[in-house]
N, C-alpha and C. Protein backbone atom coordinates (compact mmCIF):
# COMPACT_ATOMS: atom_id res chain seq x y z
N MET A 1 20.02 -1.68 54.95
CA MET A 1 20.12 -1.57 56.39
C MET A 1 19.04 -0.60 56.88
N ASP A 2 18.46 -0.89 58.04
CA ASP A 2 17.40 -0.05 58.58
C ASP A 2 17.93 1.33 58.93
N ASN A 3 17.07 2.36 58.74
CA ASN A 3 17.48 3.73 59.04
C ASN A 3 17.80 3.93 60.51
N ASN A 4 17.03 3.29 61.40
CA ASN A 4 17.30 3.42 62.84
C ASN A 4 18.66 2.85 63.19
N LEU A 5 19.01 1.73 62.57
CA LEU A 5 20.31 1.13 62.83
C LEU A 5 21.42 2.05 62.33
N LEU A 6 21.23 2.66 61.17
CA LEU A 6 22.23 3.58 60.66
C LEU A 6 22.44 4.74 61.61
N LYS A 7 21.35 5.24 62.21
CA LYS A 7 21.47 6.32 63.18
C LYS A 7 22.31 5.88 64.38
N VAL A 8 22.06 4.66 64.86
CA VAL A 8 22.83 4.14 65.98
C VAL A 8 24.30 4.00 65.58
N LEU A 9 24.53 3.48 64.39
CA LEU A 9 25.91 3.31 63.93
C LEU A 9 26.63 4.65 63.81
N MET A 10 25.91 5.68 63.45
CA MET A 10 26.53 6.98 63.26
C MET A 10 26.78 7.69 64.58
N THR A 11 26.03 7.36 65.62
CA THR A 11 26.14 8.10 66.87
C THR A 11 26.81 7.33 68.00
N SER A 12 26.72 6.02 68.01
CA SER A 12 27.31 5.27 69.11
C SER A 12 28.82 5.17 68.94
N ILE A 13 29.52 5.06 70.04
CA ILE A 13 30.99 4.97 69.99
C ILE A 13 31.44 3.72 69.25
N PRO A 14 30.90 2.51 69.59
CA PRO A 14 31.35 1.34 68.84
C PRO A 14 30.97 1.43 67.36
N GLY A 15 29.84 2.06 67.08
CA GLY A 15 29.42 2.23 65.68
C GLY A 15 30.36 3.12 64.91
N ARG A 16 30.81 4.19 65.53
CA ARG A 16 31.76 5.09 64.85
C ARG A 16 33.08 4.38 64.58
N TYR A 17 33.56 3.62 65.55
CA TYR A 17 34.79 2.86 65.34
C TYR A 17 34.61 1.82 64.23
N ALA A 18 33.47 1.13 64.24
CA ALA A 18 33.21 0.11 63.22
C ALA A 18 33.15 0.74 61.83
N ARG A 19 32.46 1.89 61.71
CA ARG A 19 32.38 2.56 60.42
C ARG A 19 33.74 3.02 59.94
N ALA A 20 34.56 3.53 60.85
CA ALA A 20 35.90 4.00 60.47
C ALA A 20 36.75 2.84 59.97
N LEU A 21 36.76 1.74 60.72
CA LEU A 21 37.55 0.59 60.28
C LEU A 21 37.01 0.01 58.99
N PHE A 22 35.70 -0.08 58.86
CA PHE A 22 35.10 -0.64 57.65
C PHE A 22 35.43 0.22 56.43
N ALA A 23 35.33 1.54 56.57
CA ALA A 23 35.64 2.44 55.45
C ALA A 23 37.10 2.28 55.04
N TYR A 24 37.99 2.20 56.02
CA TYR A 24 39.41 2.03 55.70
C TYR A 24 39.66 0.67 55.05
N ALA A 25 38.99 -0.35 55.56
CA ALA A 25 39.14 -1.70 54.99
C ALA A 25 38.65 -1.73 53.54
N GLN A 26 37.57 -1.00 53.26
CA GLN A 26 37.09 -0.94 51.87
C GLN A 26 38.12 -0.27 50.97
N GLN A 27 38.71 0.82 51.44
CA GLN A 27 39.73 1.52 50.66
C GLN A 27 40.92 0.62 50.36
N CYS A 28 41.29 -0.19 51.34
CA CYS A 28 42.47 -1.08 51.19
C CYS A 28 42.11 -2.44 50.61
N ASP A 29 40.82 -2.68 50.36
CA ASP A 29 40.33 -3.95 49.84
C ASP A 29 40.69 -5.13 50.76
N ILE A 30 40.47 -4.92 52.06
CA ILE A 30 40.76 -5.97 53.04
C ILE A 30 39.55 -6.23 53.95
N VAL A 31 38.35 -5.93 53.48
CA VAL A 31 37.14 -6.09 54.29
C VAL A 31 36.99 -7.53 54.77
N GLU A 32 37.09 -8.47 53.84
CA GLU A 32 36.90 -9.88 54.20
C GLU A 32 38.01 -10.38 55.11
N ARG A 33 39.23 -9.98 54.84
CA ARG A 33 40.36 -10.41 55.67
C ARG A 33 40.15 -9.94 57.11
N LEU A 34 39.75 -8.67 57.27
CA LEU A 34 39.53 -8.16 58.62
C LEU A 34 38.33 -8.83 59.29
N SER A 35 37.33 -9.17 58.49
CA SER A 35 36.17 -9.87 59.04
C SER A 35 36.60 -11.22 59.62
N VAL A 36 37.44 -11.93 58.89
CA VAL A 36 37.96 -13.22 59.37
C VAL A 36 38.81 -13.01 60.62
N ASP A 37 39.69 -12.02 60.57
CA ASP A 37 40.56 -11.75 61.71
C ASP A 37 39.77 -11.33 62.95
N LEU A 38 38.70 -10.57 62.75
CA LEU A 38 37.86 -10.19 63.88
C LEU A 38 37.22 -11.42 64.51
N GLY A 39 36.84 -12.39 63.67
CA GLY A 39 36.32 -13.65 64.18
C GLY A 39 37.36 -14.40 65.00
N VAL A 40 38.61 -14.35 64.54
CA VAL A 40 39.71 -15.00 65.26
C VAL A 40 39.90 -14.34 66.63
N VAL A 41 39.89 -13.01 66.65
CA VAL A 41 40.04 -12.29 67.93
C VAL A 41 38.86 -12.59 68.85
N ASN A 42 37.67 -12.64 68.28
CA ASN A 42 36.49 -12.93 69.08
C ASN A 42 36.59 -14.32 69.72
N SER A 43 37.01 -15.30 68.94
CA SER A 43 37.20 -16.66 69.49
C SER A 43 38.26 -16.66 70.57
N PHE A 44 39.33 -15.93 70.32
CA PHE A 44 40.41 -15.82 71.30
C PHE A 44 39.88 -15.25 72.62
N CYS A 45 39.05 -14.20 72.53
CA CYS A 45 38.49 -13.56 73.73
C CYS A 45 37.65 -14.54 74.53
N LYS A 46 36.85 -15.33 73.81
CA LYS A 46 35.97 -16.29 74.50
C LYS A 46 36.76 -17.42 75.13
N LYS A 47 37.82 -17.86 74.47
CA LYS A 47 38.61 -18.98 74.99
C LYS A 47 39.56 -18.55 76.11
N ASN A 48 39.92 -17.28 76.13
CA ASN A 48 40.90 -16.77 77.09
C ASN A 48 40.38 -15.54 77.82
N PRO A 49 39.31 -15.68 78.58
CA PRO A 49 38.72 -14.48 79.20
C PRO A 49 39.67 -13.77 80.16
N ARG A 50 40.48 -14.54 80.86
CA ARG A 50 41.41 -13.90 81.81
C ARG A 50 42.48 -13.09 81.09
N LEU A 51 43.02 -13.65 80.01
CA LEU A 51 44.03 -12.93 79.24
C LEU A 51 43.39 -11.70 78.58
N TRP A 52 42.15 -11.86 78.11
CA TRP A 52 41.45 -10.71 77.52
C TRP A 52 41.32 -9.59 78.56
N GLN A 53 41.02 -9.97 79.80
CA GLN A 53 40.92 -8.96 80.86
C GLN A 53 42.25 -8.24 81.06
N GLU A 54 43.33 -9.02 81.01
CA GLU A 54 44.66 -8.41 81.14
C GLU A 54 44.94 -7.46 79.98
N LEU A 55 44.58 -7.90 78.77
CA LEU A 55 44.84 -7.09 77.59
C LEU A 55 44.00 -5.81 77.57
N SER A 56 42.84 -5.87 78.20
CA SER A 56 41.99 -4.68 78.23
C SER A 56 42.07 -3.96 79.57
N SER A 57 43.04 -4.35 80.39
CA SER A 57 43.21 -3.77 81.72
C SER A 57 43.60 -2.30 81.64
N LYS A 58 43.04 -1.54 82.56
CA LYS A 58 43.39 -0.12 82.63
C LYS A 58 44.57 0.08 83.57
N VAL A 59 45.07 -1.01 84.14
CA VAL A 59 46.18 -0.94 85.07
C VAL A 59 47.53 -0.95 84.34
N LEU A 60 47.58 -1.64 83.20
CA LEU A 60 48.84 -1.74 82.46
C LEU A 60 49.24 -0.40 81.86
N THR A 61 50.54 -0.21 81.74
CA THR A 61 51.03 1.00 81.07
C THR A 61 50.76 0.87 79.57
N PRO A 62 50.72 1.97 78.85
CA PRO A 62 50.53 1.88 77.40
C PRO A 62 51.59 1.01 76.71
N GLN A 63 52.83 1.08 77.20
CA GLN A 63 53.90 0.26 76.61
C GLN A 63 53.65 -1.23 76.85
N GLN A 64 53.22 -1.59 78.07
CA GLN A 64 52.93 -2.99 78.38
C GLN A 64 51.77 -3.50 77.53
N THR A 65 50.73 -2.69 77.40
CA THR A 65 49.57 -3.06 76.60
C THR A 65 49.98 -3.27 75.15
N THR A 66 50.78 -2.36 74.61
CA THR A 66 51.23 -2.47 73.22
C THR A 66 52.02 -3.75 73.01
N LEU A 67 52.94 -4.04 73.90
CA LEU A 67 53.76 -5.26 73.77
C LEU A 67 52.90 -6.52 73.83
N LEU A 68 51.96 -6.55 74.77
CA LEU A 68 51.07 -7.71 74.89
C LEU A 68 50.24 -7.91 73.62
N TRP A 69 49.64 -6.81 73.13
CA TRP A 69 48.80 -6.93 71.93
C TRP A 69 49.62 -7.31 70.70
N GLN A 70 50.82 -6.79 70.59
CA GLN A 70 51.66 -7.16 69.45
C GLN A 70 52.00 -8.64 69.49
N ASP A 71 52.28 -9.16 70.69
CA ASP A 71 52.57 -10.57 70.84
C ASP A 71 51.36 -11.43 70.46
N VAL A 72 50.18 -11.04 70.96
CA VAL A 72 48.95 -11.77 70.64
C VAL A 72 48.67 -11.71 69.13
N SER A 73 48.83 -10.53 68.55
CA SER A 73 48.57 -10.36 67.12
C SER A 73 49.48 -11.23 66.27
N GLU A 74 50.74 -11.32 66.66
CA GLU A 74 51.68 -12.19 65.93
C GLU A 74 51.25 -13.65 66.02
N LYS A 75 50.89 -14.08 67.22
CA LYS A 75 50.49 -15.48 67.41
C LYS A 75 49.21 -15.81 66.67
N LEU A 76 48.29 -14.84 66.54
CA LEU A 76 47.03 -15.07 65.85
C LEU A 76 47.11 -14.75 64.36
N HIS A 77 48.27 -14.23 63.92
CA HIS A 77 48.49 -13.87 62.51
C HIS A 77 47.48 -12.84 62.02
N LEU A 78 47.26 -11.81 62.84
CA LEU A 78 46.30 -10.76 62.50
C LEU A 78 46.91 -9.79 61.51
N HIS A 79 46.05 -9.23 60.67
CA HIS A 79 46.48 -8.20 59.72
C HIS A 79 46.99 -7.00 60.52
N ASP A 80 48.00 -6.35 59.99
CA ASP A 80 48.63 -5.22 60.67
C ASP A 80 47.62 -4.10 60.94
N VAL A 81 46.70 -3.87 60.03
CA VAL A 81 45.69 -2.83 60.21
C VAL A 81 44.84 -3.13 61.44
N LEU A 82 44.45 -4.38 61.60
CA LEU A 82 43.63 -4.74 62.77
C LEU A 82 44.44 -4.62 64.05
N THR A 83 45.69 -5.02 64.01
CA THR A 83 46.55 -4.89 65.19
C THR A 83 46.64 -3.43 65.63
N LYS A 84 46.87 -2.54 64.68
CA LYS A 84 46.95 -1.11 65.02
C LYS A 84 45.61 -0.59 65.53
N PHE A 85 44.54 -1.08 64.94
CA PHE A 85 43.21 -0.65 65.37
C PHE A 85 42.92 -1.10 66.80
N ILE A 86 43.25 -2.35 67.11
CA ILE A 86 43.05 -2.86 68.47
C ILE A 86 43.89 -2.07 69.47
N LEU A 87 45.11 -1.75 69.08
CA LEU A 87 45.96 -0.93 69.96
C LEU A 87 45.34 0.45 70.19
N LEU A 88 44.77 1.00 69.14
CA LEU A 88 44.08 2.29 69.27
C LEU A 88 42.92 2.18 70.27
N LEU A 89 42.10 1.14 70.12
CA LEU A 89 40.99 0.92 71.06
C LEU A 89 41.50 0.74 72.48
N SER A 90 42.55 -0.05 72.60
CA SER A 90 43.11 -0.35 73.91
C SER A 90 43.65 0.92 74.58
N GLN A 91 44.39 1.72 73.83
CA GLN A 91 44.95 2.95 74.39
C GLN A 91 43.87 3.97 74.73
N ALA A 92 42.77 3.93 73.97
CA ALA A 92 41.66 4.83 74.25
C ALA A 92 40.74 4.27 75.34
N LYS A 93 41.12 3.11 75.90
CA LYS A 93 40.32 2.44 76.93
C LYS A 93 38.91 2.15 76.43
N ARG A 94 38.81 1.66 75.18
CA ARG A 94 37.52 1.39 74.53
C ARG A 94 37.29 -0.09 74.25
N LEU A 95 38.10 -0.98 74.80
CA LEU A 95 37.92 -2.41 74.52
C LEU A 95 36.64 -2.96 75.13
N ASN A 96 36.04 -2.25 76.06
CA ASN A 96 34.76 -2.71 76.62
C ASN A 96 33.65 -2.65 75.56
N PHE A 97 33.88 -1.92 74.47
CA PHE A 97 32.90 -1.86 73.38
C PHE A 97 33.07 -2.98 72.37
N TRP A 98 34.01 -3.88 72.61
CA TRP A 98 34.37 -4.89 71.62
C TRP A 98 33.18 -5.69 71.08
N PRO A 99 32.29 -6.27 71.91
CA PRO A 99 31.18 -7.06 71.36
C PRO A 99 30.28 -6.25 70.43
N ALA A 100 29.94 -5.03 70.82
CA ALA A 100 29.09 -4.19 69.96
C ALA A 100 29.84 -3.80 68.69
N PHE A 101 31.12 -3.48 68.83
CA PHE A 101 31.93 -3.12 67.67
C PHE A 101 31.95 -4.25 66.64
N ILE A 102 32.17 -5.48 67.11
CA ILE A 102 32.20 -6.65 66.21
C ILE A 102 30.85 -6.78 65.49
N GLN A 103 29.77 -6.64 66.23
CA GLN A 103 28.44 -6.77 65.64
C GLN A 103 28.22 -5.71 64.57
N TYR A 104 28.59 -4.45 64.85
CA TYR A 104 28.39 -3.37 63.89
C TYR A 104 29.24 -3.58 62.64
N TYR A 105 30.47 -4.01 62.84
CA TYR A 105 31.34 -4.25 61.68
C TYR A 105 30.73 -5.33 60.78
N GLN A 106 30.23 -6.40 61.39
CA GLN A 106 29.62 -7.49 60.62
C GLN A 106 28.36 -7.02 59.91
N LEU A 107 27.56 -6.19 60.58
CA LEU A 107 26.36 -5.65 59.93
C LEU A 107 26.73 -4.79 58.72
N LEU A 108 27.77 -3.97 58.86
CA LEU A 108 28.22 -3.16 57.73
C LEU A 108 28.72 -4.05 56.59
N ASN A 109 29.46 -5.08 56.93
CA ASN A 109 29.98 -6.01 55.92
C ASN A 109 28.83 -6.73 55.22
N ASP A 110 27.87 -7.21 56.00
CA ASP A 110 26.72 -7.90 55.41
C ASP A 110 25.92 -6.98 54.51
N ALA A 111 25.68 -5.75 54.97
CA ALA A 111 24.90 -4.79 54.17
C ALA A 111 25.61 -4.48 52.86
N ALA A 112 26.92 -4.34 52.91
CA ALA A 112 27.69 -4.05 51.70
C ALA A 112 27.60 -5.20 50.69
N GLN A 113 27.41 -6.42 51.20
CA GLN A 113 27.30 -7.60 50.34
C GLN A 113 25.85 -7.95 50.04
N GLY A 114 24.90 -7.13 50.49
CA GLY A 114 23.49 -7.42 50.25
C GLY A 114 22.98 -8.59 51.07
N LYS A 115 23.55 -8.76 52.27
CA LYS A 115 23.14 -9.86 53.16
C LYS A 115 22.49 -9.28 54.40
N ARG A 116 21.70 -10.11 55.07
CA ARG A 116 21.03 -9.69 56.29
C ARG A 116 21.04 -10.85 57.29
N GLN A 117 21.57 -10.57 58.51
CA GLN A 117 21.57 -11.56 59.58
C GLN A 117 20.18 -11.61 60.21
N VAL A 118 19.65 -12.82 60.37
CA VAL A 118 18.32 -13.00 60.96
C VAL A 118 18.40 -14.10 62.02
N MET A 119 17.93 -13.78 63.22
CA MET A 119 17.87 -14.76 64.32
C MET A 119 16.42 -15.16 64.49
N VAL A 120 16.17 -16.47 64.47
CA VAL A 120 14.81 -17.00 64.63
C VAL A 120 14.78 -17.84 65.90
N ARG A 121 13.94 -17.43 66.86
CA ARG A 121 13.80 -18.18 68.11
C ARG A 121 12.45 -18.88 68.11
N THR A 122 12.48 -20.17 68.41
CA THR A 122 11.25 -20.98 68.44
C THR A 122 11.27 -21.87 69.68
N PRO A 123 10.08 -22.32 70.16
CA PRO A 123 10.07 -23.20 71.33
C PRO A 123 10.54 -24.62 71.00
N THR A 124 10.39 -25.04 69.75
CA THR A 124 10.85 -26.35 69.30
C THR A 124 11.51 -26.17 67.93
N PRO A 125 12.34 -27.11 67.51
CA PRO A 125 12.98 -26.98 66.19
C PRO A 125 11.93 -26.93 65.07
N LEU A 126 12.18 -26.09 64.07
CA LEU A 126 11.29 -26.01 62.92
C LEU A 126 11.60 -27.13 61.94
N SER A 127 10.57 -27.66 61.33
CA SER A 127 10.77 -28.69 60.30
C SER A 127 11.37 -28.02 59.06
N ASP A 128 11.90 -28.81 58.15
CA ASP A 128 12.45 -28.27 56.91
C ASP A 128 11.39 -27.50 56.13
N ALA A 129 10.17 -28.04 56.10
CA ALA A 129 9.08 -27.37 55.37
C ALA A 129 8.74 -26.02 56.02
N ASP A 130 8.71 -25.98 57.36
CA ASP A 130 8.43 -24.72 58.06
C ASP A 130 9.55 -23.70 57.83
N GLN A 131 10.81 -24.17 57.82
CA GLN A 131 11.92 -23.28 57.56
C GLN A 131 11.82 -22.67 56.16
N LYS A 132 11.49 -23.48 55.17
CA LYS A 132 11.35 -22.98 53.80
C LYS A 132 10.21 -21.97 53.70
N GLN A 133 9.11 -22.24 54.37
CA GLN A 133 7.97 -21.33 54.36
C GLN A 133 8.35 -20.00 55.04
N LEU A 134 9.08 -20.08 56.15
CA LEU A 134 9.52 -18.88 56.85
C LEU A 134 10.46 -18.06 55.97
N ILE A 135 11.38 -18.73 55.31
CA ILE A 135 12.32 -18.03 54.43
C ILE A 135 11.58 -17.30 53.32
N ARG A 136 10.59 -17.95 52.72
CA ARG A 136 9.79 -17.29 51.66
C ARG A 136 9.09 -16.04 52.21
N ALA A 137 8.54 -16.14 53.42
CA ALA A 137 7.85 -15.00 54.02
C ALA A 137 8.83 -13.86 54.33
N LEU A 138 10.00 -14.21 54.86
CA LEU A 138 10.99 -13.18 55.20
C LEU A 138 11.58 -12.52 53.96
N GLN A 139 11.72 -13.27 52.88
CA GLN A 139 12.24 -12.68 51.65
C GLN A 139 11.28 -11.66 51.05
N LYS A 140 10.00 -11.75 51.41
CA LYS A 140 9.05 -10.72 50.99
C LYS A 140 9.28 -9.43 51.78
N LEU A 141 9.78 -9.56 53.01
CA LEU A 141 10.07 -8.39 53.84
C LEU A 141 11.39 -7.73 53.45
N TRP A 142 12.41 -8.54 53.22
CA TRP A 142 13.76 -8.02 52.99
C TRP A 142 14.33 -8.53 51.68
N ALA A 143 14.70 -7.61 50.82
CA ALA A 143 15.30 -7.97 49.53
C ALA A 143 16.81 -8.10 49.73
N ALA A 144 17.21 -9.13 50.41
CA ALA A 144 18.63 -9.37 50.68
C ALA A 144 18.83 -10.87 50.86
N GLU A 145 20.07 -11.30 50.75
CA GLU A 145 20.38 -12.69 51.07
C GLU A 145 20.26 -12.84 52.58
N LEU A 146 19.42 -13.75 53.01
CA LEU A 146 19.17 -13.92 54.43
C LEU A 146 20.11 -14.97 55.02
N LEU A 147 20.76 -14.61 56.11
CA LEU A 147 21.63 -15.53 56.83
C LEU A 147 20.91 -15.86 58.14
N LEU A 148 20.18 -16.98 58.13
CA LEU A 148 19.34 -17.32 59.26
C LEU A 148 20.07 -18.18 60.28
N THR A 149 19.82 -17.87 61.54
CA THR A 149 20.29 -18.67 62.66
C THR A 149 19.07 -19.06 63.46
N TYR A 150 18.89 -20.35 63.68
CA TYR A 150 17.74 -20.85 64.43
C TYR A 150 18.18 -21.21 65.85
N VAL A 151 17.42 -20.71 66.83
CA VAL A 151 17.72 -20.99 68.23
C VAL A 151 16.44 -21.52 68.88
N VAL A 152 16.56 -22.65 69.56
CA VAL A 152 15.42 -23.21 70.28
C VAL A 152 15.41 -22.64 71.69
N VAL A 153 14.30 -22.00 72.05
CA VAL A 153 14.11 -21.43 73.38
C VAL A 153 12.85 -22.08 73.97
N PRO A 154 13.02 -23.16 74.73
CA PRO A 154 11.87 -23.94 75.20
C PRO A 154 10.82 -23.15 75.99
N ASN A 155 11.21 -22.06 76.67
CA ASN A 155 10.22 -21.34 77.48
C ASN A 155 9.33 -20.40 76.65
N LEU A 156 9.56 -20.29 75.34
CA LEU A 156 8.63 -19.55 74.48
C LEU A 156 7.34 -20.35 74.38
N LYS A 157 6.22 -19.64 74.38
CA LYS A 157 4.93 -20.33 74.27
C LYS A 157 4.39 -20.14 72.86
N MET A 158 4.48 -21.15 72.07
CA MET A 158 3.96 -21.15 70.70
C MET A 158 4.44 -19.94 69.90
N GLY A 159 4.61 -20.10 68.64
CA GLY A 159 5.00 -19.01 67.76
C GLY A 159 6.50 -18.91 67.61
N LEU A 160 6.94 -17.71 67.25
CA LEU A 160 8.37 -17.49 67.06
C LEU A 160 8.70 -16.02 67.20
N VAL A 161 9.99 -15.76 67.38
CA VAL A 161 10.52 -14.40 67.45
C VAL A 161 11.58 -14.30 66.37
N VAL A 162 11.45 -13.29 65.50
CA VAL A 162 12.42 -13.05 64.43
C VAL A 162 13.09 -11.72 64.70
N GLU A 163 14.43 -11.74 64.78
CA GLU A 163 15.18 -10.52 65.03
C GLU A 163 16.20 -10.31 63.93
N SER A 164 16.26 -9.07 63.45
CA SER A 164 17.26 -8.70 62.45
C SER A 164 17.57 -7.22 62.61
N ASN A 165 18.86 -6.93 62.78
CA ASN A 165 19.30 -5.56 63.02
C ASN A 165 18.53 -4.99 64.19
N ASN A 166 17.76 -3.95 64.01
CA ASN A 166 17.04 -3.37 65.15
C ASN A 166 15.56 -3.71 65.11
N LEU A 167 15.17 -4.69 64.31
CA LEU A 167 13.77 -5.07 64.18
C LEU A 167 13.51 -6.38 64.89
N CYS A 168 12.41 -6.44 65.65
CA CYS A 168 12.03 -7.67 66.34
C CYS A 168 10.56 -7.94 66.05
N LEU A 169 10.28 -9.08 65.43
CA LEU A 169 8.91 -9.51 65.16
C LEU A 169 8.59 -10.62 66.15
N ASP A 170 7.76 -10.32 67.12
CA ASP A 170 7.41 -11.29 68.15
C ASP A 170 5.99 -11.77 67.88
N VAL A 171 5.87 -12.99 67.38
CA VAL A 171 4.55 -13.57 67.09
C VAL A 171 4.35 -14.81 67.96
N THR A 172 4.69 -14.65 69.23
CA THR A 172 4.49 -15.73 70.19
C THR A 172 3.13 -15.56 70.84
N LEU A 173 2.68 -16.61 71.50
CA LEU A 173 1.42 -16.55 72.23
C LEU A 173 1.47 -15.48 73.31
N ASP A 174 2.58 -15.38 74.02
CA ASP A 174 2.73 -14.36 75.06
C ASP A 174 2.56 -12.96 74.49
N ALA A 175 3.15 -12.70 73.31
CA ALA A 175 3.04 -11.37 72.69
C ALA A 175 1.59 -11.07 72.32
N HIS A 176 0.90 -12.07 71.76
CA HIS A 176 -0.51 -11.86 71.41
C HIS A 176 -1.36 -11.61 72.65
N LEU A 177 -1.12 -12.37 73.70
CA LEU A 177 -1.87 -12.18 74.94
C LEU A 177 -1.60 -10.81 75.55
N ALA A 178 -0.35 -10.37 75.53
CA ALA A 178 -0.01 -9.04 76.06
C ALA A 178 -0.70 -7.94 75.26
N SER A 179 -0.73 -8.11 73.95
CA SER A 179 -1.40 -7.13 73.09
C SER A 179 -2.90 -7.10 73.37
N LEU A 180 -3.51 -8.28 73.50
CA LEU A 180 -4.94 -8.37 73.81
C LEU A 180 -5.23 -7.73 75.17
N HIS A 181 -4.38 -7.99 76.16
CA HIS A 181 -4.53 -7.41 77.49
C HIS A 181 -4.48 -5.89 77.42
N GLN A 182 -3.56 -5.37 76.64
CA GLN A 182 -3.42 -3.92 76.49
C GLN A 182 -4.67 -3.31 75.85
N ILE A 183 -5.19 -3.95 74.82
CA ILE A 183 -6.39 -3.45 74.14
C ILE A 183 -7.59 -3.48 75.08
N LEU A 184 -7.75 -4.59 75.78
CA LEU A 184 -8.88 -4.70 76.71
C LEU A 184 -8.76 -3.69 77.85
N SER A 185 -7.58 -3.53 78.37
CA SER A 185 -7.37 -2.58 79.46
C SER A 185 -7.68 -1.16 78.99
N ALA A 186 -7.25 -0.81 77.80
CA ALA A 186 -7.53 0.53 77.26
C ALA A 186 -9.01 0.74 77.07
N ASN A 187 -9.74 -0.27 76.59
CA ASN A 187 -11.18 -0.15 76.39
C ASN A 187 -11.93 -0.02 77.71
N PHE A 188 -11.51 -0.75 78.74
CA PHE A 188 -12.17 -0.65 80.04
C PHE A 188 -11.92 0.70 80.68
N ILE A 189 -10.72 1.25 80.49
CA ILE A 189 -10.41 2.56 81.03
C ILE A 189 -11.26 3.62 80.37
N LYS A 190 -11.46 3.52 79.03
CA LYS A 190 -12.29 4.48 78.31
C LYS A 190 -13.74 4.41 78.77
N GLN A 191 -14.23 3.20 79.05
CA GLN A 191 -15.61 3.03 79.49
C GLN A 191 -15.83 3.61 80.89
N ASP A 192 -14.81 3.55 81.72
CA ASP A 192 -14.91 4.07 83.09
C ASP A 192 -14.94 5.60 83.10
N ILE A 193 -14.40 6.23 82.08
CA ILE A 193 -14.31 7.70 82.05
C ILE A 193 -15.57 8.31 81.66
């Protein structure tokens, strides 16, 4: 895992919660189970945004929030540790950190397994041959099992953007043109002085 990302994980609120839950899950040998359950909760949040708002509402009393979350946890068959953790977040009024928390937990889980999430954005779909070539190039950068996700972004102009953890490699035409513009502008400013 990148050192900058570790710093963020150690200092950000969602990062601290993710590290605490991950460390406890490792001790109890339930890392994978919680990872699956977090995915279930995430899907639930996306499918039921209004109910999620109610569950994360600051208007409900702590007792109402606890009862609602226990009911949801039972219906989703969540591990008791995750249910208690969600209640802790809810009572601390920290559910707004949920998306970042999920991401950090997954990054910790992937790093522990020697895996790395990589997002590749391209203007058009990559051919199988191009994907294989890209994977070979990325494996020279990162000695980990790469979990690639390809996203087509039509408004990109030639090239691709590769993102992993806190690193972004932008090798699009726009990025090259911006870099060239910056170099030329700096040189013209120096000549004027």
